[in-house]
């Protein structure tokens, strides 16, 4: 059975000397590094920021339609929200592609 991903250590790829470390490289206390942020929380935070950008752009668009907002700031907010949305769709597509590749692997 596939289990969830463990935390990603901030020193996973580079150490203090700039060398490459493996995920089980011992740290100062003799134990492997176990601190970090989970992949799921990073994705959730990124998705939340994308939604916030879309809500802000929508609110600014409504204000411009009512004659209360600045057109330039609204266009910038809408373009930023669109870019954020396109990035989220691209990440989703990569995750789906990876899942499909794993599901096709012979056991």
PDB file of N, CA and C in Angstrom:
ATOM      1  N   UNK A   1       0.837  -1.172   0.000  1.00  0.00           N
ATOM      2  CA  UNK A   1       0.000   0.000   0.000  1.00  0.00           C
ATOM      3  C   UNK A   1       0.881   1.234   0.000  1.00  0.00           C
ATOM      4  N   UNK A   2       0.506   2.243  -0.738  1.00  0.00           N
ATOM      5  CA  UNK A   2       1.268   3.478  -0.793  1.00  0.00           C
ATOM      6  C   UNK A   2       0.880   4.347   0.389  1.00  0.00           C
ATOM      7  N   UNK A   3       1.882   4.848   1.098  1.00  0.00           N
ATOM      8  CA  UNK A   3       1.624   5.714   2.243  1.00  0.00           C
ATOM      9  C   UNK A   3       1.885   7.161   1.859  1.00  0.00           C
ATOM     10  N   UNK A   4       1.540   8.075   2.719  1.00  0.00           N
ATOM     11  CA  UNK A   4       1.744   9.503   2.472  1.00  0.00           C
ATOM     12  C   UNK A   4       3.219   9.860   2.456  1.00  0.00           C
ATOM     13  N   UNK A   5       3.514  11.023   1.917  1.00  0.00           N
ATOM     14  CA  UNK A   5       4.880  11.502   1.870  1.00  0.00           C
ATOM     15  C   UNK A   5       5.298  12.041   3.222  1.00  0.00           C
ATOM     16  N   UNK A   6       6.552  11.838   3.573  1.00  0.00           N
ATOM     17  CA  UNK A   6       7.083  12.364   4.813  1.00  0.00           C
ATOM     18  C   UNK A   6       7.514  13.811   4.628  1.00  0.00           C
ATOM     19  N   UNK A   7       7.934  14.444   5.711  1.00  0.00           N
ATOM     20  CA  UNK A   7       8.355  15.842   5.614  1.00  0.00           C
ATOM     21  C   UNK A   7       9.637  15.975   4.812  1.00  0.00           C
ATOM     22  N   UNK A   8       9.795  17.126   4.152  1.00  0.00           N
ATOM     23  CA  UNK A   8      10.988  17.420   3.379  1.00  0.00           C
ATOM     24  C   UNK A   8      11.874  18.312   4.221  1.00  0.00           C
ATOM     25  N   UNK A   9      13.093  17.872   4.431  1.00  0.00           N
ATOM     26  CA  UNK A   9      14.022  18.643   5.243  1.00  0.00           C
ATOM     27  C   UNK A   9      14.536  19.837   4.459  1.00  0.00           C
ATOM     28  N   UNK A  10      14.691  21.003   5.102  1.00  0.00           N
ATOM     29  CA  UNK A  10      15.225  22.160   4.391  1.00  0.00           C
ATOM     30  C   UNK A  10      16.650  21.928   3.929  1.00  0.00           C
ATOM     31  N   UNK A  11      17.380  21.025   4.583  1.00  0.00           N
ATOM     32  CA  UNK A  11      18.756  20.714   4.198  1.00  0.00           C
ATOM     33  C   UNK A  11      18.848  19.428   3.397  1.00  0.00           C
ATOM     34  N   UNK A  12      17.757  19.025   2.775  1.00  0.00           N
ATOM     35  CA  UNK A  12      17.711  17.756   2.047  1.00  0.00           C
ATOM     36  C   UNK A  12      18.693  17.735   0.880  1.00  0.00           C
ATOM     37  N   UNK A  13      18.726  18.795   0.077  1.00  0.00           N
ATOM     38  CA  UNK A  13      19.579  18.812  -1.110  1.00  0.00           C
ATOM     39  C   UNK A  13      20.939  19.448  -0.869  1.00  0.00           C
ATOM     40  N   UNK A  14      21.002  20.452  -0.044  1.00  0.00           N
ATOM     41  CA  UNK A  14      22.288  21.102   0.205  1.00  0.00           C
ATOM     42  C   UNK A  14      22.509  21.222   1.691  1.00  0.00           C
ATOM     43  N   UNK A  15      23.731  21.026   2.084  1.00  0.00           N
ATOM     44  CA  UNK A  15      24.094  21.179   3.489  1.00  0.00           C
ATOM     45  C   UNK A  15      24.692  22.546   3.715  1.00  0.00           C
ATOM     46  N   UNK A  16      25.242  22.743   4.900  1.00  0.00           N
ATOM     47  CA  UNK A  16      25.841  24.033   5.217  1.00  0.00           C
ATOM     48  C   UNK A  16      27.078  24.289   4.376  1.00  0.00           C
ATOM     49  N   UNK A  17      27.778  23.244   3.959  1.00  0.00           N
ATOM     50  CA  UNK A  17      28.968  23.410   3.135  1.00  0.00           C
ATOM     51  C   UNK A  17      28.624  23.436   1.654  1.00  0.00           C
ATOM     52  N   UNK A  18      27.369  23.279   1.298  1.00  0.00           N
ATOM     53  CA  UNK A  18      26.947  23.321  -0.094  1.00  0.00           C
ATOM     54  C   UNK A  18      27.009  21.967  -0.776  1.00  0.00           C
ATOM     55  N   UNK A  19      27.371  20.921  -0.043  1.00  0.00           N
ATOM     56  CA  UNK A  19      27.442  19.591  -0.633  1.00  0.00           C
ATOM     57  C   UNK A  19      26.073  18.949  -0.698  1.00  0.00           C
ATOM     58  N   UNK A  20      25.956  17.916  -1.498  1.00  0.00           N
ATOM     59  CA  UNK A  20      24.686  17.228  -1.647  1.00  0.00           C
ATOM     60  C   UNK A  20      24.564  16.191  -0.548  1.00  0.00           C
ATOM     61  N   UNK A  21      23.419  16.160   0.087  1.00  0.00           N
ATOM     62  CA  UNK A  21      23.150  15.216   1.169  1.00  0.00           C
ATOM     63  C   UNK A  21      22.088  14.228   0.745  1.00  0.00           C
ATOM     64  N   UNK A  22      22.132  13.052   1.302  1.00  0.00           N
ATOM     65  CA  UNK A  22      21.065  12.092   1.074  1.00  0.00           C
ATOM     66  C   UNK A  22      20.009  12.300   2.147  1.00  0.00           C
ATOM     67  N   UNK A  23      18.787  11.750   1.955  1.00  0.00           N
ATOM     68  CA  UNK A  23      17.742  11.970   2.956  1.00  0.00           C
ATOM     69  C   UNK A  23      18.057  11.336   4.304  1.00  0.00           C
ATOM     70  N   UNK A  24      19.011  10.409   4.373  1.00  0.00           N
ATOM     71  CA  UNK A  24      19.319   9.763   5.642  1.00  0.00           C
ATOM     72  C   UNK A  24      20.662  10.214   6.202  1.00  0.00           C
ATOM     73  N   UNK A  25      21.230  11.292   5.667  1.00  0.00           N
ATOM     74  CA  UNK A  25      22.498  11.785   6.183  1.00  0.00           C
ATOM     75  C   UNK A  25      22.317  12.239   7.624  1.00  0.00           C
ATOM     76  N   UNK A  26      23.139  11.721   8.540  1.00  0.00           N
ATOM     77  CA  UNK A  26      22.999  12.132   9.941  1.00  0.00           C
ATOM     78  C   UNK A  26      23.329  13.609  10.116  1.00  0.00           C
ATOM     79  N   UNK A  27      22.684  14.234  11.068  1.00  0.00           N
ATOM     80  CA  UNK A  27      22.947  15.626  11.400  1.00  0.00           C
ATOM     81  C   UNK A  27      23.638  15.678  12.753  1.00  0.00           C
ATOM     82  N   UNK A  28      23.799  16.841  13.315  1.00  0.00           N
ATOM     83  CA  UNK A  28      24.598  17.048  14.525  1.00  0.00           C
ATOM     84  C   UNK A  28      24.292  16.068  15.658  1.00  0.00           C
ATOM     85  N   UNK A  29      23.074  15.706  15.887  1.00  0.00           N
ATOM     86  CA  UNK A  29      22.722  14.826  16.998  1.00  0.00           C
ATOM     87  C   UNK A  29      22.874  13.354  16.681  1.00  0.00           C
ATOM     88  N   UNK A  30      23.298  12.995  15.466  1.00  0.00           N
ATOM     89  CA  UNK A  30      23.442  11.610  15.078  1.00  0.00           C
ATOM     90  C   UNK A  30      22.182  11.034  14.465  1.00  0.00           C
ATOM     91  N   UNK A  31      21.070  11.755  14.504  1.00  0.00           N
ATOM     92  CA  UNK A  31      19.810  11.286  13.916  1.00  0.00           C
ATOM     93  C   UNK A  31      19.615  11.933  12.559  1.00  0.00           C
ATOM     94  N   UNK A  32      18.825  11.301  11.716  1.00  0.00           N
ATOM     95  CA  UNK A  32      18.517  11.861  10.392  1.00  0.00           C
ATOM     96  C   UNK A  32      17.622  13.085  10.551  1.00  0.00           C
ATOM     97  N   UNK A  33      17.757  14.031   9.638  1.00  0.00           N
ATOM     98  CA  UNK A  33      16.938  15.251   9.694  1.00  0.00           C
ATOM     99  C   UNK A  33      15.474  14.896   9.468  1.00  0.00           C
ATOM    100  N   UNK A  34      14.601  15.343  10.345  1.00  0.00           N
ATOM    101  CA  UNK A  34      13.178  15.016  10.270  1.00  0.00           C
ATOM    102  C   UNK A  34      12.290  16.256  10.269  1.00  0.00           C
ATOM    103  N   UNK A  35      12.846  17.434  10.048  1.00  0.00           N
ATOM    104  CA  UNK A  35      12.043  18.646  10.057  1.00  0.00           C
ATOM    105  C   UNK A  35      11.770  19.088   8.638  1.00  0.00           C
ATOM    106  N   UNK A  36      10.715  19.859   8.451  1.00  0.00           N
ATOM    107  CA  UNK A  36      10.417  20.376   7.127  1.00  0.00           C
ATOM    108  C   UNK A  36       8.930  20.524   6.917  1.00  0.00           C
ATOM    109  N   UNK A  37       8.589  20.820   5.687  1.00  0.00           N
ATOM    110  CA  UNK A  37       7.212  21.055   5.295  1.00  0.00           C
ATOM    111  C   UNK A  37       6.780  19.930   4.371  1.00  0.00           C
ATOM    112  N   UNK A  38       5.570  19.437   4.548  1.00  0.00           N
ATOM    113  CA  UNK A  38       5.110  18.332   3.709  1.00  0.00           C
ATOM    114  C   UNK A  38       4.704  18.845   2.325  1.00  0.00           C
ATOM    115  N   UNK A  39       4.785  17.973   1.357  1.00  0.00           N
ATOM    116  CA  UNK A  39       4.431  18.295  -0.027  1.00  0.00           C
ATOM    117  C   UNK A  39       2.965  18.720  -0.105  1.00  0.00           C
ATOM    118  N   UNK A  40       2.119  18.035   0.622  1.00  0.00           N
ATOM    119  CA  UNK A  40       0.690  18.356   0.607  1.00  0.00           C
ATOM    120  C   UNK A  40       0.432  19.756   1.158  1.00  0.00           C
ATOM    121  N   UNK A  41       1.143  20.145   2.208  1.00  0.00           N
ATOM    122  CA  UNK A  41       0.929  21.486   2.762  1.00  0.00           C
ATOM    123  C   UNK A  41       1.433  22.570   1.810  1.00  0.00           C
ATOM    124  N   UNK A  42       2.510  22.298   1.087  1.00  0.00           N
ATOM    125  CA  UNK A  42       3.003  23.256   0.098  1.00  0.00           C
ATOM    126  C   UNK A  42       1.980  23.425  -1.019  1.00  0.00           C
ATOM    127  N   UNK A  43       1.417  22.325  -1.499  1.00  0.00           N
ATOM    128  CA  UNK A  43       0.390  22.401  -2.541  1.00  0.00           C
ATOM    129  C   UNK A  43      -0.856  23.122  -2.042  1.00  0.00           C
ATOM    130  N   UNK A  44      -1.261  22.840  -0.821  1.00  0.00           N
ATOM    131  CA  UNK A  44      -2.449  23.495  -0.260  1.00  0.00           C
ATOM    132  C   UNK A  44      -2.225  24.994  -0.112  1.00  0.00           C
ATOM    133  N   UNK A  45      -1.041  25.385   0.335  1.00  0.00           N
ATOM    134  CA  UNK A  45      -0.733  26.805   0.490  1.00  0.00           C
ATOM    135  C   UNK A  45      -0.711  27.512  -0.862  1.00  0.00           C
ATOM    136  N   UNK A  46      -0.122  26.867  -1.858  1.00  0.00           N
ATOM    137  CA  UNK A  46      -0.067  27.447  -3.199  1.00  0.00           C
ATOM    138  C   UNK A  46      -1.468  27.581  -3.790  1.00  0.00           C
ATOM    139  N   UNK A  47      -2.286  26.558  -3.613  1.00  0.00           N
ATOM    140  CA  UNK A  47      -3.666  26.628  -4.111  1.00  0.00           C
ATOM    141  C   UNK A  47      -4.440  27.725  -3.394  1.00  0.00           C
ATOM    142  N   UNK A  48      -4.230  27.869  -2.108  1.00  0.00           N
ATOM    143  CA  UNK A  48      -4.898  28.918  -1.347  1.00  0.00           C
ATOM    144  C   UNK A  48      -4.510  30.310  -1.828  1.00  0.00           C
ATOM    145  N   UNK A  49      -3.218  30.492  -2.121  1.00  0.00           N
ATOM    146  CA  UNK A  49      -2.783  31.792  -2.637  1.00  0.00           C
ATOM    147  C   UNK A  49      -3.383  32.070  -4.002  1.00  0.00           C
ATOM    148  N   UNK A  50      -3.507  31.043  -4.835  1.00  0.00           N
ATOM    149  CA  UNK A  50      -4.115  31.213  -6.159  1.00  0.00           C
ATOM    150  C   UNK A  50      -5.579  31.631  -6.033  1.00  0.00           C
ATOM    151  N   UNK A  51      -6.285  30.990  -5.131  1.00  0.00           N
ATOM    152  CA  UNK A  51      -7.698  31.329  -4.918  1.00  0.00           C
ATOM    153  C   UNK A  51      -7.822  32.754  -4.386  1.00  0.00           C
ATOM    154  N   UNK A  52      -6.939  33.134  -3.459  1.00  0.00           N
ATOM    155  CA  UNK A  52      -6.966  34.496  -2.923  1.00  0.00           C
ATOM    156  C   UNK A  52      -6.729  35.531  -4.018  1.00  0.00           C
ATOM    157  N   UNK A  53      -5.791  35.241  -4.933  1.00  0.00           N
ATOM    158  CA  UNK A  53      -5.526  36.164  -6.038  1.00  0.00           C
ATOM    159  C   UNK A  53      -6.750  36.298  -6.938  1.00  0.00           C
ATOM    160  N   UNK A  54      -7.427  35.183  -7.189  1.00  0.00           N
ATOM    161  CA  UNK A  54      -8.620  35.223  -8.039  1.00  0.00           C
ATOM    162  C   UNK A  54      -9.742  36.013  -7.373  1.00  0.00           C
ATOM    163  N   UNK A  55      -9.918  35.817  -6.068  1.00  0.00           N
ATOM    164  CA  UNK A  55     -10.954  36.568  -5.349  1.00  0.00           C
ATOM    165  C   UNK A  55     -10.651  38.065  -5.353  1.00  0.00           C
ATOM    166  N   UNK A  56      -9.383  38.431  -5.146  1.00  0.00           N
ATOM    167  CA  UNK A  56      -9.006  39.844  -5.146  1.00  0.00           C
ATOM    168  C   UNK A  56      -9.223  40.459  -6.529  1.00  0.00           C
ATOM    169  N   UNK A  57      -8.863  39.720  -7.583  1.00  0.00           N
ATOM    170  CA  UNK A  57      -9.061  40.219  -8.949  1.00  0.00           C
ATOM    171  C   UNK A  57     -10.544  40.387  -9.254  1.00  0.00           C
ATOM    172  N   UNK A  58     -11.352  39.449  -8.790  1.00  0.00           N
ATOM    173  CA  UNK A  58     -12.793  39.547  -9.008  1.00  0.00           C
ATOM    174  C   UNK A  58     -13.380  40.759  -8.292  1.00  0.00           C
ATOM    175  N   UNK A  59     -12.946  40.965  -7.051  1.00  0.00           N
ATOM    176  CA  UNK A  59     -13.431  42.108  -6.275  1.00  0.00           C
ATOM    177  C   UNK A  59     -13.023  43.425  -6.937  1.00  0.00           C
ATOM    178  N   UNK A  60     -11.783  43.491  -7.419  1.00  0.00           N
ATOM    179  CA  UNK A  60     -11.320  44.709  -8.088  1.00  0.00           C
ATOM    180  C   UNK A  60     -12.086  44.938  -9.388  1.00  0.00           C
ATOM    181  N   UNK A  61     -12.419  43.866 -10.089  1.00  0.00           N
ATOM    182  CA  UNK A  61     -13.195  43.992 -11.330  1.00  0.00           C
ATOM    183  C   UNK A  61     -14.579  44.557 -11.048  1.00  0.00           C
ATOM    184  N   UNK A  62     -15.202  44.094  -9.985  1.00  0.00           N
ATOM    185  CA  UNK A  62     -16.527  44.603  -9.609  1.00  0.00           C
ATOM    186  C   UNK A  62     -16.431  46.087  -9.259  1.00  0.00           C
ATOM    187  N   UNK A  63     -15.381  46.467  -8.535  1.00  0.00           N
ATOM    188  CA  UNK A  63     -15.208  47.877  -8.173  1.00  0.00           C
ATOM    189  C   UNK A  63     -15.020  48.754  -9.402  1.00  0.00           C
ATOM    190  N   UNK A  64     -14.277  48.261 -10.398  1.00  0.00           N
ATOM    191  CA  UNK A  64     -14.078  49.036 -11.628  1.00  0.00           C
ATOM    192  C   UNK A  64     -15.402  49.181 -12.372  1.00  0.00           C
ATOM    193  N   UNK A  65     -16.185  48.125 -12.404  1.00  0.00           N
ATOM    194  CA  UNK A  65     -17.489  48.200 -13.073  1.00  0.00           C
ATOM    195  C   UNK A  65     -18.422  49.196 -12.377  1.00  0.00           C
ATOM    196  N   UNK A  66     -18.235  49.360 -11.089  1.00  0.00           N
ATOM    197  CA  UNK A  66     -19.040  50.323 -10.337  1.00  0.00           C
ATOM    198  C   UNK A  66     -18.449  51.731 -10.394  1.00  0.00           C
ATOM    199  N   UNK A  67     -17.290  51.883 -11.050  1.00  0.00           N
ATOM    200  CA  UNK A  67     -16.640  53.179 -11.177  1.00  0.00           C
ATOM    201  C   UNK A  67     -15.828  53.594  -9.966  1.00  0.00           C
ATOM    202  N   UNK A  68     -15.465  52.639  -9.104  1.00  0.00           N
ATOM    203  CA  UNK A  68     -14.756  52.959  -7.865  1.00  0.00           C
ATOM    204  C   UNK A  68     -13.283  52.588  -7.896  1.00  0.00           C
ATOM    205  N   UNK A  69     -12.857  51.755  -8.835  1.00  0.00           N
ATOM    206  CA  UNK A  69     -11.494  51.246  -8.813  1.00  0.00           C
ATOM    207  C   UNK A  69     -10.625  51.781  -9.931  1.00  0.00           C
ATOM    208  N   UNK A  70      -9.334  51.455  -9.851  1.00  0.00           N
ATOM    209  CA  UNK A  70      -8.350  51.852 -10.844  1.00  0.00           C
ATOM    210  C   UNK A  70      -8.224  50.743 -11.894  1.00  0.00           C
ATOM    211  N   UNK A  71      -8.344  51.107 -13.159  1.00  0.00           N
ATOM    212  CA  UNK A  71      -8.316  50.123 -14.239  1.00  0.00           C
ATOM    213  C   UNK A  71      -6.958  49.423 -14.335  1.00  0.00           C
ATOM    214  N   UNK A  72      -5.879  50.169 -14.201  1.00  0.00           N
ATOM    215  CA  UNK A  72      -4.535  49.573 -14.331  1.00  0.00           C
ATOM    216  C   UNK A  72      -4.282  48.534 -13.247  1.00  0.00           C
ATOM    217  N   UNK A  73      -4.607  48.854 -12.012  1.00  0.00           N
ATOM    218  CA  UNK A  73      -4.410  47.899 -10.918  1.00  0.00           C
ATOM    219  C   UNK A  73      -5.288  46.664 -11.111  1.00  0.00           C
ATOM    220  N   UNK A  74      -6.473  46.867 -11.635  1.00  0.00           N
ATOM    221  CA  UNK A  74      -7.382  45.749 -11.872  1.00  0.00           C
ATOM    222  C   UNK A  74      -6.842  44.826 -12.950  1.00  0.00           C
ATOM    223  N   UNK A  75      -6.328  45.408 -14.035  1.00  0.00           N
ATOM    224  CA  UNK A  75      -5.750  44.591 -15.110  1.00  0.00           C
ATOM    225  C   UNK A  75      -4.546  43.819 -14.584  1.00  0.00           C
ATOM    226  N   UNK A  76      -3.708  44.468 -13.784  1.00  0.00           N
ATOM    227  CA  UNK A  76      -2.558  43.774 -13.193  1.00  0.00           C
ATOM    228  C   UNK A  76      -3.010  42.617 -12.307  1.00  0.00           C
ATOM    229  N   UNK A  77      -4.045  42.837 -11.503  1.00  0.00           N
ATOM    230  CA  UNK A  77      -4.545  41.790 -10.604  1.00  0.00           C
ATOM    231  C   UNK A  77      -5.141  40.632 -11.398  1.00  0.00           C
ATOM    232  N   UNK A  78      -5.874  40.940 -12.461  1.00  0.00           N
ATOM    233  CA  UNK A  78      -6.478  39.886 -13.282  1.00  0.00           C
ATOM    234  C   UNK A  78      -5.391  39.080 -14.001  1.00  0.00           C
ATOM    235  N   UNK A  79      -4.379  39.759 -14.511  1.00  0.00           N
ATOM    236  CA  UNK A  79      -3.284  39.052 -15.199  1.00  0.00           C
ATOM    237  C   UNK A  79      -2.503  38.169 -14.224  1.00  0.00           C
ATOM    238  N   UNK A  80      -2.287  38.666 -13.010  1.00  0.00           N
ATOM    239  CA  UNK A  80      -1.602  37.881 -11.987  1.00  0.00           C
ATOM    240  C   UNK A  80      -2.428  36.656 -11.606  1.00  0.00           C
ATOM    241  N   UNK A  81      -3.734  36.831 -11.471  1.00  0.00           N
ATOM    242  CA  UNK A  81      -4.620  35.711 -11.137  1.00  0.00           C
ATOM    243  C   UNK A  81      -4.632  34.683 -12.264  1.00  0.00           C
ATOM    244  N   UNK A  82      -4.641  35.155 -13.509  1.00  0.00           N
ATOM    245  CA  UNK A  82      -4.625  34.234 -14.647  1.00  0.00           C
ATOM    246  C   UNK A  82      -3.325  33.439 -14.683  1.00  0.00           C
ATOM    247  N   UNK A  83      -2.212  34.110 -14.436  1.00  0.00           N
ATOM    248  CA  UNK A  83      -0.921  33.433 -14.419  1.00  0.00           C
ATOM    249  C   UNK A  83      -0.865  32.391 -13.300  1.00  0.00           C
ATOM    250  N   UNK A  84      -1.381  32.744 -12.154  1.00  0.00           N
ATOM    251  CA  UNK A  84      -1.426  31.826 -11.025  1.00  0.00           C
ATOM    252  C   UNK A  84      -2.298  30.613 -11.341  1.00  0.00           C
ATOM    253  N   UNK A  85      -3.435  30.854 -11.980  1.00  0.00           N
ATOM    254  CA  UNK A  85      -4.336  29.766 -12.363  1.00  0.00           C
ATOM    255  C   UNK A  85      -3.676  28.834 -13.375  1.00  0.00           C
ATOM    256  N   UNK A  86      -2.985  29.406 -14.367  1.00  0.00           N
ATOM    257  CA  UNK A  86      -2.316  28.580 -15.365  1.00  0.00           C
ATOM    258  C   UNK A  86      -1.213  27.730 -14.737  1.00  0.00           C
ATOM    259  N   UNK A  87      -0.499  28.292 -13.760  1.00  0.00           N
ATOM    260  CA  UNK A  87       0.523  27.521 -13.054  1.00  0.00           C
ATOM    261  C   UNK A  87      -0.115  26.375 -12.269  1.00  0.00           C
ATOM    262  N   UNK A  88      -1.243  26.642 -11.617  1.00  0.00           N
ATOM    263  CA  UNK A  88      -1.937  25.596 -10.853  1.00  0.00           C
ATOM    264  C   UNK A  88      -2.412  24.471 -11.770  1.00  0.00           C
ATOM    265  N   UNK A  89      -2.919  24.821 -12.946  1.00  0.00           N
ATOM    266  CA  UNK A  89      -3.364  23.809 -13.911  1.00  0.00           C
ATOM    267  C   UNK A  89      -2.175  22.983 -14.404  1.00  0.00           C
ATOM    268  N   UNK A  90      -1.039  23.639 -14.651  1.00  0.00           N
ATOM    269  CA  UNK A  90       0.151  22.919 -15.106  1.00  0.00           C
ATOM    270  C   UNK A  90       0.645  21.951 -14.035  1.00  0.00           C
ATOM    271  N   UNK A  91       0.621  22.380 -12.771  1.00  0.00           N
ATOM    272  CA  UNK A  91       1.036  21.494 -11.679  1.00  0.00           C
ATOM    273  C   UNK A  91       0.085  20.315 -11.566  1.00  0.00           C
ATOM    274  N   UNK A  92      -1.208  20.585 -11.669  1.00  0.00           N
ATOM    275  CA  UNK A  92      -2.196  19.504 -11.619  1.00  0.00           C
ATOM    276  C   UNK A  92      -1.962  18.502 -12.742  1.00  0.00           C
ATOM    277  N   UNK A  93      -1.692  18.997 -13.957  1.00  0.00           N
ATOM    278  CA  UNK A  93      -1.447  18.111 -15.086  1.00  0.00           C
ATOM    279  C   UNK A  93      -0.216  17.240 -14.864  1.00  0.00           C
ATOM    280  N   UNK A  94       0.836  17.807 -14.279  1.00  0.00           N
ATOM    281  CA  UNK A  94       2.047  17.031 -13.995  1.00  0.00           C
ATOM    282  C   UNK A  94       1.769  15.959 -12.949  1.00  0.00           C
ATOM    283  N   UNK A  95       0.980  16.292 -11.937  1.00  0.00           N
ATOM    284  CA  UNK A  95       0.652  15.309 -10.903  1.00  0.00           C
ATOM    285  C   UNK A  95      -0.176  14.171 -11.487  1.00  0.00           C
ATOM    286  N   UNK A  96      -1.138  14.489 -12.341  1.00  0.00           N
ATOM    287  CA  UNK A  96      -1.974  13.462 -12.966  1.00  0.00           C
ATOM    288  C   UNK A  96      -1.118  12.577 -13.876  1.00  0.00           C
ATOM    289  N   UNK A  97      -0.216  13.192 -14.642  1.00  0.00           N
ATOM    290  CA  UNK A  97       0.663  12.423 -15.518  1.00  0.00           C
ATOM    291  C   UNK A  97       1.540  11.475 -14.703  1.00  0.00           C
ATOM    292  N   UNK A  98       2.097  11.963 -13.597  1.00  0.00           N
ATOM    293  CA  UNK A  98       2.928  11.115 -12.746  1.00  0.00           C
ATOM    294  C   UNK A  98       2.115   9.964 -12.163  1.00  0.00           C
ATOM    295  N   UNK A  99       0.891  10.248 -11.732  1.00  0.00           N
ATOM    296  CA  UNK A  99       0.028   9.199 -11.186  1.00  0.00           C
ATOM    297  C   UNK A  99      -0.259   8.134 -12.240  1.00  0.00           C
ATOM    298  N   UNK A 100      -0.550   8.574 -13.465  1.00  0.00           N
ATOM    299  CA  UNK A 100      -0.841   7.613 -14.525  1.00  0.00           C
ATOM    300  C   UNK A 100       0.379   6.762 -14.859  1.00  0.00           C
ATOM    301  N   UNK A 101       1.556   7.353 -14.845  1.00  0.00           N
ATOM    302  CA  UNK A 101       2.777   6.577 -15.098  1.00  0.00           C
ATOM    303  C   UNK A 101       3.005   5.545 -14.014  1.00  0.00           C
ATOM    304  N   UNK A 102       2.787   5.926 -12.771  1.00  0.00           N
ATOM    305  CA  UNK A 102       2.973   4.980 -11.651  1.00  0.00           C
ATOM    306  C   UNK A 102       1.932   3.868 -11.737  1.00  0.00           C
ATOM    307  N   UNK A 103       0.709   4.211 -12.112  1.00  0.00           N
ATOM    308  CA  UNK A 103      -0.337   3.191 -12.185  1.00  0.00           C
ATOM    309  C   UNK A 103      -0.103   2.196 -13.328  1.00  0.00           C
ATOM    310  N   UNK A 104       0.652   2.583 -14.337  1.00  0.00           N
ATOM    311  CA  UNK A 104       0.962   1.665 -15.449  1.00  0.00           C
ATOM    312  C   UNK A 104       2.148   0.749 -15.169  1.00  0.00           C
ATOM    313  N   UNK A 105       2.875   1.005 -14.081  1.00  0.00           N
ATOM    314  CA  UNK A 105       4.064   0.189 -13.774  1.00  0.00           C
ATOM    315  C   UNK A 105       3.656  -1.229 -13.424  1.00  0.00           C
ATOM    316  N   UNK A 106       4.454  -2.157 -13.924  1.00  0.00           N
ATOM    317  CA  UNK A 106       4.222  -3.563 -13.579  1.00  0.00           C
ATOM    318  C   UNK A 106       4.704  -3.828 -12.165  1.00  0.00           C
ATOM    319  N   UNK A 107       3.952  -4.652 -11.467  1.00  0.00           N
ATOM    320  CA  UNK A 107       4.332  -4.968 -10.078  1.00  0.00           C
ATOM    321  C   UNK A 107       5.148  -6.232 -10.046  1.00  0.00           C
TER     322      UNK A 107
END
